Amino acid sequence: MSLKNISFAGDFINGRFIMGEKNDGQFKDISPADLSDQVMTVTYKLDHVDRACHAAKDAYMSWAKLSLNERKKYLLKLKEIFVAHESEMAELIARDTGKALWDATTEAKALAGKIDITLNESVKLIQDERITNALPQVDGVIRYRSRGVMAVVGPFNFPAHLPNGHIIPALISGNTIVYKPSEQTPAVAQLYAQMVEKAEFPPGVFNLVHGEAETGRKLVAHELVDGILFTGSYEVGLKIKQETLNHYWKILALEMGGKNASVVWEDADIDKAIYETLVGAYMSTGQRCSGTSRVILHDKIADQFTDRFYKAAKKLTIGHWSKNPFMGPLINGPAVEKYVRFQEMANRENAESLMRGKSLELEHKGHYVTPSIHLVKSFDANSVYQKTEIFGPNVAIYRSSDFDKTMEMVNSTGYGLVMALFSKDKELYETALLKARVGLLNWNRTTNGASSRLPFGGMGKSGNDRPSAHFAIQYCTVPVASLEDPTSLDKTKLLPGVNLDE
C-alpha cells in the first residue's frame, strides 16, 4: 500500500488557503497506525487567528441576512460534495486517527447525514412562533437569530463528524465559523475545508486555522468570537471556561469526557449484553467519550458474564486500518503511556487484572495496545483508577445486587454522559431515569453510538448542559421576543397622570 504525503495548503481564511510568511510553529502529522506514514507537515502562524476572526465578522451580516432557503442551497451543495468524496474522507480519517476503515467509513457517511437531519428536522426547533394576545390585543413573536462568529474547537477521535456536528447547525442558522482542528488530525480538517471551498460559500463564512494549544487559546479568547463550540477532554474544556471567565457574553457548548457505566441485571439477555458491552468498551480502541468504562454486574450473572466477556475480548482483532480489524491503535505515544500507567494504578488500588493491557508490536509499527479488564474488589469513590477517564480500551468490572447502591456507583465519578441498563424490568429502567445523573440513558443498548435525531450531552464533568446533535441548533441561536401592536393609540386608556392634550 503506497500512501502519499499530503501537501499542506495553509489556513483557509476569507475564501482561500493562505500560508504564513514567517511561521510561529510546526508539527508533523504522523499516522498512529504506521509511524513511517507521515501524512502531512503543518506550519502555523498565530496572527492568522485574528485574520480569521475578522474575516468571519466581516462576512457575518450578509450571511445572516440571507433567507433560510438561500443558506440551504449552499449546504445542499456541500452535501453533494461530502457524498462525492466519501471514500477519500474515510481513508484519510483512518490514516489520521488509525481507526479501522469500516469505522472511518461510518464517520465519513455521517457528514452528509448531518446536513439532511439538520435541514429536515433540527431547523424545526428554531421556527418563528406567533403568540396571539401575548398581552391584551397585542401579539407576540418568538424568533431565533444567529449569534455571530462561532469558534469550533474539534477533537481527534471523530475529526470530521464532531466538528461537522457544530458547523452545520451554526451555518444554517446564520452564524459564521472559525474552526481550529486537533493537531493530531490536521489532514482531515484540510480536506474538510477543501470541500467547503468547492461548495463556494461566500468568503469568510467558514475559516480554518491550524495550530497547537496557543492557537486554541487565542481563538477562544478573541474579542470577536461570540460562541465556542468544543468537543474534547474535561481538562481542555475547563481551560476554555477559565480563559473566557470575563467573556460572559460568549455561549459555551462544552462536550467533554465520560466514565460511562453499563449495568447488567439478573434478568438481562446475556448474549446481547455481552455483545453490546464489548462494542461499547472497545470500539475505536476505547477512544470515545461515550465508551463503556465500567460494567456493574448483578451477582447472579456476574461469573457467567465475566467469563464470556473475557473470552470474547481476547478474540478481538487488532491491526492496521487497511486490514479492517475491530481495533486500531491509540492516537499517540502519550496515550499509550497513560493507558499502561493506569494498568499499574488499577492493581495498586485494589483491582485485579483479569486481562492486562500492554503495548503491542505488529507488522506496522504504531501505537497499538491490547484491551484490558480489571475486576474491582470493592467500590471506592476516591480511587483515581475508578473515577478517571482513561480514553483507552479498559473496562472495570464491579458486582452489585442492590440497585440503589448501583446507582450511587454510576453517579460517583463526577462525569455524567451515558449509562446503559440491560434488564427486561421497565420499573428498574424508570428508576434509573430518575436517579442517573446522565444526559443519555440507553435501555438494552450500549453506551456507544448516538442518534443525530436526539440531543447529545452530559452533566457534571461531561458537559455544561448544552446538548449537541439534534439540539445543537439551539445554542447556535438566541431567542428574540417581540411584542407587535399595529393599533393606534387609544387615548381613553392612558395611565393615570399622563396627559397628551396640547
Foldseek 3Di string as FASTA:
>chain_A
DDDDADEDQAWQAQLGHDHDPDFDDKDWQFFQQFRVRTRYIDTAHLCVLVRLLVLQQVCQPVLQPDDLVVLLLLLVLLLVLLVVCLQVLLVLLCRLFVAASVVSSVLSNVLSVLSVCCVPPLVVVFDKDKAQPPDNQWIKIKGWAFQEEEEEEEESLSQRRQSSLQLNLLSSRRYAYEYEYAPSRVVSVVVSVVSSSVSPDRTSRYIYGYDHDVSVLCNLLPPSHQEYEYEEALVVLVVSCVSCVVVVRYHYWYFHAAAEEEEEEPAFPLVLVLVQLLCQQQAQQLQDRLRHAEYEYEPVCQVVSVVVSVVVLVPFDEHGNHVRGRYYAGSDDVLQVLQQVLQVLCVVQQWAWPDHKHADDDPRDRRHIGATEIEHPDDDLPRCSLQDRSSGRYYYYHYDNDLVVVLCSRQRNQWAAEYEYGHPDVVSVVVCVVRGQHPYYHYSHHSDDDDLSDWGFTDGSRTDPQTTRSRSSVSSIDMDMDIGNPDDDDVVPDDPPDDPDD
